[in-house]
N, C-alpha and C. Protein backbone atom coordinates (compact mmCIF):
# COMPACT_ATOMS: atom_id res chain seq x y z
N UNK A 1 16.97 -3.41 -5.05
CA UNK A 1 17.10 -1.74 -5.43
C UNK A 1 18.38 -1.40 -4.94
N UNK A 2 18.93 -0.35 -6.19
CA UNK A 2 20.71 0.33 -5.88
C UNK A 2 20.15 1.17 -5.61
N UNK A 3 19.30 2.48 -5.85
CA UNK A 3 19.21 3.96 -5.47
C UNK A 3 17.39 3.79 -5.29
N UNK A 4 17.22 4.68 -4.50
CA UNK A 4 16.34 4.94 -3.81
C UNK A 4 15.51 6.23 -4.61
N UNK A 5 15.35 7.14 -5.31
CA UNK A 5 15.43 8.64 -5.07
C UNK A 5 14.56 9.20 -4.31
N UNK A 6 12.83 8.93 -3.88
CA UNK A 6 12.10 9.51 -3.60
C UNK A 6 11.08 8.04 -3.80
N UNK A 7 11.16 8.41 -1.77
CA UNK A 7 10.11 8.01 -0.32
C UNK A 7 8.34 8.59 -0.13
N UNK A 8 7.06 7.42 -0.23
CA UNK A 8 6.64 8.56 0.36
C UNK A 8 5.32 7.71 1.21
N UNK A 9 4.43 8.35 1.63
CA UNK A 9 3.46 7.28 2.91
C UNK A 9 2.65 7.16 2.40
N UNK A 10 1.20 6.79 3.49
CA UNK A 10 0.71 6.73 3.04
C UNK A 10 -0.46 5.88 3.55
N UNK A 11 -1.74 6.45 3.86
CA UNK A 11 -2.39 5.26 5.43
C UNK A 11 -4.08 5.08 4.34
N UNK A 12 -3.99 3.94 4.43
CA UNK A 12 -5.86 3.03 4.08
C UNK A 12 -6.19 3.29 5.28
N UNK A 13 -7.69 2.72 5.26
CA UNK A 13 -8.85 1.87 6.19
C UNK A 13 -9.77 1.51 4.83
N UNK A 14 -9.74 -0.16 5.81
CA UNK A 14 -10.82 -0.14 5.17
C UNK A 14 -12.33 -0.17 6.66
N UNK A 15 -13.30 0.51 6.83
CA UNK A 15 -14.36 0.51 7.71
C UNK A 15 -15.51 -0.36 8.44
N UNK A 16 -16.36 -0.96 7.64
CA UNK A 16 -16.32 -2.17 8.66
C UNK A 16 -16.14 -3.68 6.96
N UNK A 17 -15.51 -3.54 5.46
CA UNK A 17 -15.45 -5.07 5.30
C UNK A 17 -14.28 -5.84 5.49
N UNK A 18 -13.24 -5.52 6.24
CA UNK A 18 -12.66 -6.74 6.76
C UNK A 18 -12.10 -6.59 5.41
N UNK A 19 -11.53 -6.08 4.49
CA UNK A 19 -10.64 -6.34 3.46
C UNK A 19 -9.79 -5.48 3.20
N UNK A 20 -8.64 -6.68 4.23
CA UNK A 20 -7.10 -6.06 4.06
C UNK A 20 -6.75 -5.70 2.66
N UNK A 21 -7.20 -5.94 1.47
CA UNK A 21 -6.18 -5.71 0.01
C UNK A 21 -6.77 -3.99 -0.02
N UNK A 22 -8.49 -4.00 0.40
CA UNK A 22 -9.12 -2.75 -0.60
C UNK A 22 -8.60 -1.71 0.80
N UNK A 23 -8.37 -1.46 2.19
CA UNK A 23 -7.48 -0.83 3.23
C UNK A 23 -5.35 -0.73 2.64
N UNK A 24 -5.43 -1.37 1.55
CA UNK A 24 -4.11 -1.66 1.10
C UNK A 24 -3.54 -0.75 0.12
N UNK A 25 -4.71 -0.79 -0.45
CA UNK A 25 -4.94 -0.43 -1.63
C UNK A 25 -5.43 1.18 -1.75
N UNK A 26 -6.06 1.66 -0.64
CA UNK A 26 -6.13 3.52 -0.11
C UNK A 26 -5.17 3.62 0.11
N UNK A 27 -4.05 1.99 1.25
CA UNK A 27 -3.11 3.73 1.33
C UNK A 27 -1.83 3.94 0.35
N UNK A 28 -1.83 2.67 -0.50
CA UNK A 28 -0.18 3.10 -1.87
C UNK A 28 -1.21 4.20 -2.10
N UNK A 29 -2.71 4.26 -2.42
CA UNK A 29 -3.28 5.59 -3.34
C UNK A 29 -2.93 6.44 -2.41
N UNK A 30 -3.06 7.07 -1.39
CA UNK A 30 -2.84 7.80 -0.81
C UNK A 30 -1.04 8.58 -0.74
N UNK A 31 -1.60 7.51 -0.74
CA UNK A 31 0.87 8.03 -0.71
C UNK A 31 1.08 8.62 -1.63
N UNK A 32 1.05 8.21 -3.02
CA UNK A 32 0.72 8.61 -4.57
C UNK A 32 0.04 9.91 -4.78
N UNK A 33 -0.88 9.56 -4.74
CA UNK A 33 -2.38 10.45 -4.74
C UNK A 33 -1.92 12.62 -4.89
N UNK A 34 -1.01 12.50 -4.25
CA UNK A 34 -0.14 14.07 -4.44
C UNK A 34 0.62 14.62 -4.80
N UNK A 35 1.51 13.01 -5.19
CA UNK A 35 3.37 13.67 -5.89
C UNK A 35 3.65 13.53 -7.63
N UNK A 36 4.35 14.73 -7.50
CA UNK A 36 4.82 14.03 -8.75
C UNK A 36 6.06 14.09 -8.60
N UNK A 37 6.14 13.49 -9.63
CA UNK A 37 8.07 13.58 -9.98
C UNK A 37 8.72 13.71 -11.14
N UNK A 38 8.37 15.52 -11.66
CA UNK A 38 9.12 15.37 -12.88
C UNK A 38 10.59 15.47 -13.32
N UNK A 39 11.05 15.25 -13.61
CA UNK A 39 12.05 15.01 -14.24
C UNK A 39 12.72 13.06 -14.46
N UNK A 40 12.19 13.08 -13.50
CA UNK A 40 12.89 11.86 -12.49
C UNK A 40 13.82 10.56 -13.80
N UNK A 41 12.56 10.72 -15.05
CA UNK A 41 13.51 9.91 -15.54
C UNK A 41 14.71 10.45 -15.76
N UNK A 42 15.60 11.84 -15.74
CA UNK A 42 16.93 12.52 -15.94
C UNK A 42 18.13 11.27 -15.28
N UNK A 43 17.26 10.79 -13.66
CA UNK A 43 18.19 9.93 -12.60
C UNK A 43 17.83 8.68 -13.05
N UNK A 44 17.13 8.19 -13.94
CA UNK A 44 17.66 7.02 -14.27
C UNK A 44 17.87 6.56 -15.45
N UNK A 45 18.69 5.06 -15.73
CA UNK A 45 18.99 4.27 -16.53
C UNK A 45 18.73 4.35 -17.75
N UNK A 46 19.25 5.25 -19.02
CA UNK A 46 18.50 5.50 -20.10
C UNK A 46 17.79 6.24 -19.68
N UNK A 47 17.17 6.68 -19.42
CA UNK A 47 16.50 7.92 -18.96
C UNK A 47 14.89 7.99 -19.16
N UNK A 48 14.59 6.01 -18.94
CA UNK A 48 13.33 5.97 -19.08
C UNK A 48 12.69 4.85 -18.47
N UNK A 49 11.48 5.28 -18.32
CA UNK A 49 11.08 4.79 -17.34
C UNK A 49 10.27 3.87 -16.73
N UNK A 50 10.96 2.50 -17.40
CA UNK A 50 10.82 1.61 -17.88
C UNK A 50 11.35 0.47 -16.77
N UNK A 51 12.51 1.38 -16.96
CA UNK A 51 13.78 1.03 -15.53
C UNK A 51 13.39 1.28 -14.02
N UNK A 52 12.37 2.02 -14.11
CA UNK A 52 12.04 2.90 -12.50
C UNK A 52 11.64 1.35 -12.02
N UNK A 53 12.03 1.40 -10.60
CA UNK A 53 11.94 0.27 -10.04
C UNK A 53 11.27 1.36 -8.62
N UNK A 54 10.13 -0.20 -8.30
CA UNK A 54 9.23 0.81 -7.60
C UNK A 54 9.04 -0.39 -6.51
N UNK A 55 8.87 -0.23 -4.86
CA UNK A 55 8.73 -1.36 -4.13
C UNK A 55 8.40 -0.54 -3.06
N UNK A 56 6.82 -1.37 -2.84
CA UNK A 56 5.60 -0.90 -1.66
C UNK A 56 6.03 -1.89 -0.68
N UNK A 57 5.65 -0.89 0.36
CA UNK A 57 5.79 -1.45 1.68
C UNK A 57 4.70 -1.38 2.13
N UNK A 58 3.79 -2.60 3.12
CA UNK A 58 2.87 -3.06 3.43
C UNK A 58 2.61 -3.03 4.61
N UNK A 59 2.37 -2.41 5.71
CA UNK A 59 2.03 -3.03 7.19
C UNK A 59 0.92 -2.95 7.79
N UNK A 60 0.77 -4.37 7.37
CA UNK A 60 -0.89 -4.85 7.71
C UNK A 60 -0.53 -5.77 9.27
N UNK A 61 -2.44 -4.73 9.80
CA UNK A 61 -1.58 -6.08 11.10
C UNK A 61 -2.38 -7.68 10.97
N UNK A 62 -3.39 -7.48 9.70
CA UNK A 62 -4.50 -9.34 9.98
C UNK A 62 -4.13 -9.67 8.89
N UNK A 63 -4.60 -10.55 8.64
CA UNK A 63 -5.36 -11.39 7.29
C UNK A 63 -3.94 -10.82 6.34
N UNK A 64 -2.34 -11.51 6.58
CA UNK A 64 -1.85 -11.27 5.47
C UNK A 64 -1.80 -12.29 3.86
N UNK A 65 -2.35 -13.52 4.45
CA UNK A 65 -2.80 -14.07 3.19
C UNK A 65 -4.12 -13.72 2.53
N UNK A 66 -4.20 -13.35 2.45
CA UNK A 66 -5.64 -12.95 1.68
C UNK A 66 -5.43 -11.64 1.18
N UNK A 67 -4.34 -10.99 1.50
CA UNK A 67 -3.96 -9.81 0.40
C UNK A 67 -3.99 -9.79 -0.94
N UNK A 68 -4.48 -9.59 -1.92
CA UNK A 68 -3.67 -9.64 -3.12
C UNK A 68 -2.97 -8.60 -4.12
N UNK A 69 -1.79 -9.25 -3.58
CA UNK A 69 -0.23 -7.67 -4.32
C UNK A 69 -1.20 -7.74 -5.63
N UNK A 70 -1.82 -8.78 -6.47
CA UNK A 70 -1.89 -7.26 -7.95
C UNK A 70 -2.41 -6.61 -8.31
N UNK A 71 -3.32 -7.13 -7.54
CA UNK A 71 -4.30 -5.51 -7.09
C UNK A 71 -3.18 -4.30 -6.55
N UNK A 72 -2.40 -4.57 -5.88
CA UNK A 72 -1.79 -3.68 -5.30
C UNK A 72 -0.70 -3.30 -6.30
N UNK A 73 0.20 -3.96 -7.30
CA UNK A 73 1.07 -3.66 -8.46
C UNK A 73 0.28 -2.77 -9.11
N UNK A 74 -1.10 -3.02 -9.68
CA UNK A 74 -1.39 -2.25 -11.20
C UNK A 74 -1.66 -0.64 -10.44
N UNK A 75 -2.26 -0.36 -9.07
CA UNK A 75 -1.80 1.24 -9.08
C UNK A 75 -0.68 2.24 -9.51
N UNK A 76 0.82 1.30 -9.26
CA UNK A 76 1.82 1.75 -10.07
C UNK A 76 1.88 2.07 -11.05
N UNK A 77 1.54 3.14 -11.86
CA UNK A 77 1.86 2.94 -13.28
C UNK A 77 2.98 2.80 -14.59
N UNK A 78 4.34 2.80 -13.95
CA UNK A 78 5.43 2.74 -14.29
C UNK A 78 6.20 1.90 -13.65
N UNK A 79 6.99 1.56 -14.25
CA UNK A 79 8.20 0.45 -13.64
C UNK A 79 8.24 -0.59 -13.44
N UNK A 80 9.61 -1.24 -12.87
CA UNK A 80 8.71 -3.14 -12.29
C UNK A 80 8.37 -2.73 -11.29
N UNK A 81 7.10 -3.39 -10.18
CA UNK A 81 6.67 -3.22 -8.80
C UNK A 81 6.93 -4.31 -7.65
N UNK A 82 7.76 -3.99 -7.08
CA UNK A 82 7.77 -5.36 -5.97
C UNK A 82 6.71 -5.62 -4.30
N UNK A 83 5.99 -6.23 -3.82
CA UNK A 83 4.69 -5.42 -2.94
C UNK A 83 6.04 -6.23 -1.44
N UNK A 84 5.86 -5.82 -0.97
CA UNK A 84 6.91 -6.27 0.72
C UNK A 84 5.38 -6.04 1.67
N UNK A 85 5.19 -7.11 2.35
CA UNK A 85 3.57 -6.82 3.47
C UNK A 85 4.50 -7.29 4.81
N UNK A 86 4.79 -6.52 5.72
CA UNK A 86 5.59 -6.59 7.16
C UNK A 86 3.95 -6.14 8.12
N UNK A 87 4.40 -7.08 9.64
CA UNK A 87 3.76 -6.13 10.71
C UNK A 87 3.29 -5.65 10.80
N UNK A 88 1.73 -5.05 11.28
CA UNK A 88 2.08 -3.84 11.57
C UNK A 88 0.56 -3.14 11.20
N UNK A 89 0.69 -2.29 10.96
CA UNK A 89 -1.08 -1.33 10.48
C UNK A 89 -1.66 -0.69 12.08
N UNK A 90 -2.81 -1.69 12.01
CA UNK A 90 -4.35 -1.91 13.34
C UNK A 90 -5.25 -2.31 13.03
N UNK A 91 -5.71 -3.24 13.60
CA UNK A 91 -7.03 -3.50 13.69
C UNK A 91 -8.47 -2.92 14.71
N UNK A 92 -9.08 -2.79 14.48
CA UNK A 92 -9.66 -1.68 15.66
C UNK A 92 -10.73 -1.71 15.56
N UNK A 93 -11.70 -1.18 16.90
CA UNK A 93 -13.75 -1.63 16.18
C UNK A 93 -13.48 0.02 16.03
N UNK A 94 -14.57 -0.67 14.85
CA UNK A 94 -15.45 0.75 14.11
C UNK A 94 -16.73 1.54 14.84
N UNK A 95 -16.78 0.61 16.07
CA UNK A 95 -17.64 1.41 17.50
C UNK A 95 -19.13 0.78 16.48
N UNK A 96 -19.14 -0.01 15.51
CA UNK A 96 -20.41 -1.23 15.96
C UNK A 96 -20.15 -2.17 16.40
N UNK A 97 -21.22 -2.97 17.33
CA UNK A 97 -21.40 -2.77 18.73
C UNK A 97 -22.48 -4.10 17.81
N UNK A 98 -22.67 -6.01 17.50
CA UNK A 98 -23.74 -6.53 16.97
C UNK A 98 -23.52 -7.41 18.16
N UNK A 99 -24.72 -7.76 18.96
CA UNK A 99 -25.78 -9.06 19.61
C UNK A 99 -25.06 -9.79 19.50
N UNK A 100 -24.70 -10.24 17.96
CA UNK A 100 -23.78 -11.81 18.16
C UNK A 100 -22.43 -11.48 18.03
N UNK A 101 -21.61 -11.85 18.42
CA UNK A 101 -20.24 -11.07 18.72
C UNK A 101 -19.50 -11.98 18.13
N UNK A 102 -20.20 -13.66 17.86
CA UNK A 102 -19.46 -14.58 17.08
C UNK A 102 -20.15 -14.37 15.76
N UNK A 103 -20.50 -14.19 15.16
CA UNK A 103 -21.34 -13.53 13.85
C UNK A 103 -20.78 -12.92 12.79
N UNK A 104 -20.05 -11.62 13.91
CA UNK A 104 -19.52 -10.81 12.63
C UNK A 104 -18.35 -10.60 13.36
N UNK A 105 -16.97 -10.42 12.95
CA UNK A 105 -16.28 -8.94 13.74
C UNK A 105 -16.28 -7.52 12.63
N UNK A 106 -16.75 -6.91 13.28
CA UNK A 106 -16.73 -5.62 13.04
C UNK A 106 -15.80 -4.61 12.95
N UNK A 107 -14.86 -5.71 12.89
CA UNK A 107 -13.22 -3.52 12.44
C UNK A 107 -12.98 -3.22 11.61
N UNK A 108 -11.88 -2.12 12.07
CA UNK A 108 -11.67 -1.43 11.09
C UNK A 108 -10.14 -2.03 10.89
N UNK A 109 -9.66 -2.57 9.49
CA UNK A 109 -8.62 -2.29 8.97
C UNK A 109 -8.27 -1.10 8.64
N UNK A 110 -6.69 -0.92 9.49
CA UNK A 110 -5.59 -0.19 8.93
C UNK A 110 -4.31 -0.50 8.85
N UNK A 111 -4.15 0.56 7.47
CA UNK A 111 -2.64 0.01 6.94
C UNK A 111 -1.70 1.21 6.77
N UNK A 112 -0.61 0.79 6.63
CA UNK A 112 0.67 2.05 6.40
C UNK A 112 1.15 1.74 4.78
N UNK A 113 1.25 2.57 4.77
CA UNK A 113 1.99 2.32 3.10
C UNK A 113 3.42 2.81 3.17
N UNK A 114 4.64 2.54 2.48
CA UNK A 114 5.51 3.37 2.23
C UNK A 114 6.38 3.00 0.95
N UNK A 115 6.37 3.46 -0.49
CA UNK A 115 6.33 3.25 -1.43
C UNK A 115 7.73 3.88 -2.27
N UNK A 116 8.81 3.23 -2.14
CA UNK A 116 9.58 3.61 -2.35
C UNK A 116 9.73 3.66 -4.18
N UNK A 117 10.27 4.58 -4.93
CA UNK A 117 11.11 5.06 -5.87
C UNK A 117 12.38 5.18 -6.15
N UNK A 118 12.81 3.66 -7.10
CA UNK A 118 14.54 4.34 -7.23
C UNK A 118 15.06 3.15 -9.33
N UNK A 119 15.86 3.42 -9.33
CA UNK A 119 16.31 2.30 -10.08
C UNK A 119 17.35 1.03 -9.16
């Protein structure tokens, strides 16, 4: 990305499913949900949304290999989207304690996202 015009951050949690894609999706939606970028086209090459680049950075606690990046990309409505994954976030107890702890690990997955918009 040559020039960053806008950055927003968000957090997503999957409380009981241990699904890193679900937590990541929620983090990206949280980052972009309350934003409006009126006039951004004026700052893009040829003033076209198709020229916008979006870099999604995800801080993921575990299961990096299970993250479905394509499900993250479709959340972003315009431009060319890339997804970077790094260590971060948190895996912590959901407060459910199972009798057979070897049967299932009931953790919350917490993911942080930074969404960079530019060209």
